[in-house]
N, C-alpha and C. Protein backbone atom coordinates (compact mmCIF):
# COMPACT_ATOMS: atom_id res chain seq x y z
N MET A 1 -26.05 6.56 -3.15
CA MET A 1 -24.62 6.36 -3.08
C MET A 1 -24.27 5.91 -1.66
N ARG A 2 -23.47 4.87 -1.59
CA ARG A 2 -23.03 4.40 -0.28
C ARG A 2 -22.17 5.46 0.42
N LEU A 3 -22.18 5.41 1.71
CA LEU A 3 -21.44 6.39 2.50
C LEU A 3 -19.96 6.40 2.16
N ASP A 4 -19.36 5.21 2.05
CA ASP A 4 -17.92 5.13 1.72
C ASP A 4 -17.65 5.74 0.35
N ALA A 5 -18.55 5.50 -0.60
CA ALA A 5 -18.37 6.05 -1.94
C ALA A 5 -18.50 7.57 -1.91
N ARG A 6 -19.43 8.07 -1.12
CA ARG A 6 -19.61 9.51 -1.00
C ARG A 6 -18.37 10.16 -0.39
N ILE A 7 -17.83 9.56 0.65
CA ILE A 7 -16.63 10.09 1.29
C ILE A 7 -15.46 10.06 0.31
N ALA A 8 -15.34 8.98 -0.46
CA ALA A 8 -14.26 8.88 -1.44
C ALA A 8 -14.41 9.96 -2.51
N SER A 9 -15.63 10.21 -2.94
CA SER A 9 -15.89 11.24 -3.94
C SER A 9 -15.51 12.62 -3.40
N LEU A 10 -15.90 12.89 -2.17
CA LEU A 10 -15.54 14.16 -1.53
C LEU A 10 -14.03 14.29 -1.38
N ASN A 11 -13.39 13.19 -1.03
CA ASN A 11 -11.94 13.19 -0.86
C ASN A 11 -11.23 13.49 -2.18
N ASN A 12 -11.74 12.92 -3.28
CA ASN A 12 -11.16 13.19 -4.60
C ASN A 12 -11.31 14.66 -4.96
N ARG A 13 -12.48 15.21 -4.70
CA ARG A 13 -12.73 16.63 -4.99
C ARG A 13 -11.83 17.51 -4.12
N HIS A 14 -11.65 17.11 -2.87
CA HIS A 14 -10.78 17.84 -1.94
C HIS A 14 -9.35 17.87 -2.49
N ALA A 15 -8.87 16.73 -2.98
CA ALA A 15 -7.51 16.65 -3.54
C ALA A 15 -7.39 17.52 -4.80
N ALA A 16 -8.44 17.52 -5.62
CA ALA A 16 -8.43 18.34 -6.83
C ALA A 16 -8.38 19.83 -6.48
N LEU A 17 -9.11 20.20 -5.45
CA LEU A 17 -9.07 21.60 -5.01
C LEU A 17 -7.69 21.97 -4.48
N GLU A 18 -7.07 21.05 -3.77
CA GLU A 18 -5.71 21.29 -3.26
C GLU A 18 -4.76 21.54 -4.43
N ALA A 19 -4.90 20.78 -5.49
CA ALA A 19 -4.06 20.96 -6.67
C ALA A 19 -4.34 22.32 -7.32
N GLN A 20 -5.60 22.71 -7.41
CA GLN A 20 -5.95 24.01 -7.98
C GLN A 20 -5.38 25.15 -7.14
N ILE A 21 -5.47 25.00 -5.83
CA ILE A 21 -4.93 26.03 -4.93
C ILE A 21 -3.42 26.16 -5.12
N SER A 22 -2.76 25.03 -5.18
CA SER A 22 -1.31 25.02 -5.37
C SER A 22 -0.93 25.66 -6.71
N GLN A 23 -1.68 25.31 -7.74
CA GLN A 23 -1.42 25.86 -9.07
C GLN A 23 -1.62 27.39 -9.08
N GLU A 24 -2.70 27.83 -8.49
CA GLU A 24 -2.98 29.28 -8.44
C GLU A 24 -1.91 29.99 -7.62
N ASP A 25 -1.47 29.37 -6.54
CA ASP A 25 -0.47 29.97 -5.67
C ASP A 25 0.89 30.08 -6.35
N GLN A 26 1.15 29.24 -7.34
CA GLN A 26 2.43 29.25 -8.06
C GLN A 26 2.51 30.35 -9.11
N ARG A 27 1.36 30.91 -9.47
CA ARG A 27 1.35 31.96 -10.48
C ARG A 27 2.12 33.17 -9.98
N PRO A 28 2.69 33.95 -10.91
CA PRO A 28 3.43 35.15 -10.48
C PRO A 28 2.57 36.13 -9.66
N ARG A 29 1.29 36.26 -10.04
CA ARG A 29 0.39 37.14 -9.29
C ARG A 29 -0.90 36.38 -9.01
N PRO A 30 -0.91 35.56 -7.96
CA PRO A 30 -2.11 34.76 -7.65
C PRO A 30 -3.33 35.65 -7.40
N ASP A 31 -4.48 35.17 -7.84
CA ASP A 31 -5.74 35.89 -7.63
C ASP A 31 -6.24 35.57 -6.23
N ALA A 32 -6.23 36.57 -5.36
CA ALA A 32 -6.62 36.38 -3.96
C ALA A 32 -8.06 35.92 -3.84
N GLU A 33 -8.96 36.44 -4.67
CA GLU A 33 -10.36 36.04 -4.60
C GLU A 33 -10.54 34.58 -5.00
N THR A 34 -9.85 34.16 -6.04
CA THR A 34 -9.92 32.76 -6.47
C THR A 34 -9.38 31.85 -5.37
N LEU A 35 -8.25 32.22 -4.80
CA LEU A 35 -7.66 31.41 -3.72
C LEU A 35 -8.63 31.30 -2.55
N ALA A 36 -9.23 32.40 -2.17
CA ALA A 36 -10.17 32.40 -1.04
C ALA A 36 -11.36 31.50 -1.33
N ARG A 37 -11.90 31.59 -2.56
CA ARG A 37 -13.06 30.77 -2.93
C ARG A 37 -12.70 29.29 -2.91
N LEU A 38 -11.54 28.94 -3.47
CA LEU A 38 -11.10 27.55 -3.50
C LEU A 38 -10.89 27.01 -2.08
N LYS A 39 -10.29 27.82 -1.24
CA LYS A 39 -10.02 27.39 0.14
C LYS A 39 -11.32 27.21 0.93
N ARG A 40 -12.30 28.10 0.71
CA ARG A 40 -13.59 27.94 1.38
C ARG A 40 -14.27 26.64 0.93
N GLU A 41 -14.23 26.39 -0.36
CA GLU A 41 -14.84 25.17 -0.89
C GLU A 41 -14.14 23.93 -0.33
N LYS A 42 -12.82 23.98 -0.27
CA LYS A 42 -12.05 22.86 0.27
C LYS A 42 -12.40 22.62 1.74
N LEU A 43 -12.54 23.69 2.52
CA LEU A 43 -12.90 23.56 3.92
C LEU A 43 -14.30 22.96 4.08
N LYS A 44 -15.24 23.39 3.24
CA LYS A 44 -16.59 22.81 3.30
C LYS A 44 -16.55 21.31 3.03
N LEU A 45 -15.74 20.90 2.05
CA LEU A 45 -15.63 19.48 1.75
C LEU A 45 -15.03 18.71 2.93
N LYS A 46 -14.01 19.30 3.54
CA LYS A 46 -13.38 18.65 4.69
C LYS A 46 -14.38 18.49 5.84
N GLU A 47 -15.15 19.54 6.09
CA GLU A 47 -16.14 19.47 7.16
C GLU A 47 -17.21 18.42 6.85
N GLU A 48 -17.63 18.34 5.60
CA GLU A 48 -18.63 17.35 5.20
C GLU A 48 -18.07 15.93 5.36
N MET A 49 -16.81 15.72 4.97
CA MET A 49 -16.19 14.39 5.14
C MET A 49 -16.12 14.01 6.61
N GLU A 50 -15.74 14.95 7.45
CA GLU A 50 -15.65 14.68 8.89
C GLU A 50 -17.03 14.36 9.46
N ARG A 51 -18.04 15.10 9.01
CA ARG A 51 -19.41 14.85 9.49
C ARG A 51 -19.87 13.45 9.08
N LEU A 52 -19.60 13.08 7.85
CA LEU A 52 -20.01 11.76 7.37
C LEU A 52 -19.24 10.65 8.10
N ARG A 53 -17.97 10.87 8.31
CA ARG A 53 -17.17 9.85 9.03
C ARG A 53 -17.66 9.66 10.46
N SER A 54 -18.04 10.76 11.10
CA SER A 54 -18.51 10.64 12.49
C SER A 54 -19.89 9.99 12.55
N ALA A 55 -20.68 10.10 11.49
CA ALA A 55 -22.00 9.50 11.45
C ALA A 55 -21.94 8.04 10.99
N LYS A 56 -20.80 7.63 10.46
CA LYS A 56 -20.63 6.28 9.94
C LYS A 56 -20.63 5.28 11.09
N PRO A 57 -21.42 4.22 10.98
CA PRO A 57 -21.42 3.20 12.04
C PRO A 57 -20.07 2.48 12.07
N HIS A 58 -19.61 2.17 13.25
CA HIS A 58 -18.28 1.52 13.40
C HIS A 58 -18.39 0.05 13.36
């Protein structure tokens, strides 16, 4: 997979996680464990995207 395609894929997954977090947060009694897991996963994706972007030749 090309680097740009990989970053785009990660970005799409990041956006999907953001939507899941928002949806969970809107519930009357959000599940704190689910929110924490989703946020950790989202952060890992963000860090991976930043790492790939910094390694990308200009």
